[in-house]
Amino acid sequence: MSANKKTIKVTQIRSAVNRPADQEATLKGLGLNKMHKVSVLEDTPSVRGMIKKVAHLVKVEE
């Protein structure tokens, strides 16, 4: 990622066990698959939408 792009740090804080398949797939799309795993992503509308879908499972830091 280039230096002028905004990034977002996403940490998985809850398990995906017994969640709908689309929520599990969204976590994988964000690069999260285990508890307390951290992923640094570019701040785009598509990433924001994915985070909104699993907001109850993740913690977001600007």
Protein backbone atom coordinates (compact mmCIF):
# COMPACT_ATOMS: atom_id res chain seq x y z
CA MET A 1 0.00 0.00 0.00
CA SER A 2 1.34 3.41 -0.84
CA ALA A 3 2.08 6.02 1.80
CA ASN A 4 -0.69 8.43 0.77
CA LYS A 5 -3.49 5.85 1.06
CA LYS A 6 -5.51 5.67 4.26
CA THR A 7 -5.46 2.35 6.05
CA ILE A 8 -7.68 0.70 8.59
CA LYS A 9 -6.64 -1.86 11.23
CA VAL A 10 -9.25 -4.59 11.80
CA THR A 11 -9.00 -7.09 14.66
CA GLN A 12 -11.27 -10.11 15.06
CA ILE A 13 -12.66 -10.09 18.61
CA ARG A 14 -15.38 -12.74 18.37
CA SER A 15 -15.51 -16.20 16.87
CA ALA A 16 -17.18 -17.00 13.57
CA VAL A 17 -18.44 -20.34 14.91
CA ASN A 18 -22.22 -20.76 14.48
CA ARG A 19 -22.45 -17.64 12.30
CA PRO A 20 -24.07 -17.60 8.86
CA ALA A 21 -21.83 -18.69 5.99
CA ASP A 22 -21.85 -15.21 4.44
CA GLN A 23 -20.41 -13.70 7.65
CA GLU A 24 -17.66 -16.34 7.76
CA ALA A 25 -16.86 -15.61 4.11
CA THR A 26 -16.74 -11.88 4.82
CA LEU A 27 -14.23 -12.42 7.63
CA LYS A 28 -12.07 -14.49 5.28
CA GLY A 29 -12.34 -11.74 2.68
CA LEU A 30 -11.03 -9.29 5.26
CA GLY A 31 -8.10 -11.61 5.95
CA LEU A 32 -9.40 -12.75 9.34
CA ASN A 33 -9.91 -16.38 10.27
CA LYS A 34 -8.85 -16.71 13.91
CA MET A 35 -9.51 -14.83 17.11
CA HIS A 36 -7.30 -11.77 17.75
CA LYS A 37 -5.89 -11.83 14.23
CA VAL A 38 -5.14 -8.35 12.87
CA SER A 39 -5.43 -7.21 9.28
CA VAL A 40 -4.38 -3.83 7.90
CA LEU A 41 -6.50 -2.87 4.90
CA GLU A 42 -6.91 0.07 2.56
CA ASP A 43 -9.83 2.30 3.59
CA THR A 44 -12.25 1.89 0.67
CA PRO A 45 -16.06 1.84 0.50
CA SER A 46 -16.05 -1.90 -0.26
CA VAL A 47 -13.92 -2.68 2.81
CA ARG A 48 -16.14 -0.42 4.94
CA GLY A 49 -19.20 -2.36 3.73
CA MET A 50 -17.60 -5.68 4.64
CA ILE A 51 -16.71 -4.34 8.09
CA LYS A 52 -20.29 -3.11 8.59
CA LYS A 53 -21.58 -6.61 7.81
CA VAL A 54 -19.47 -8.19 10.59
CA ALA A 55 -19.20 -5.18 12.93
CA HIS A 56 -20.26 -7.31 15.90
CA LEU A 57 -17.27 -9.64 15.33
CA VAL A 58 -14.47 -7.11 14.77
CA LYS A 59 -12.80 -4.04 16.28
CA VAL A 60 -11.75 -1.23 13.93
CA GLU A 61 -8.95 1.27 14.46
CA GLU A 62 -8.40 4.17 12.07
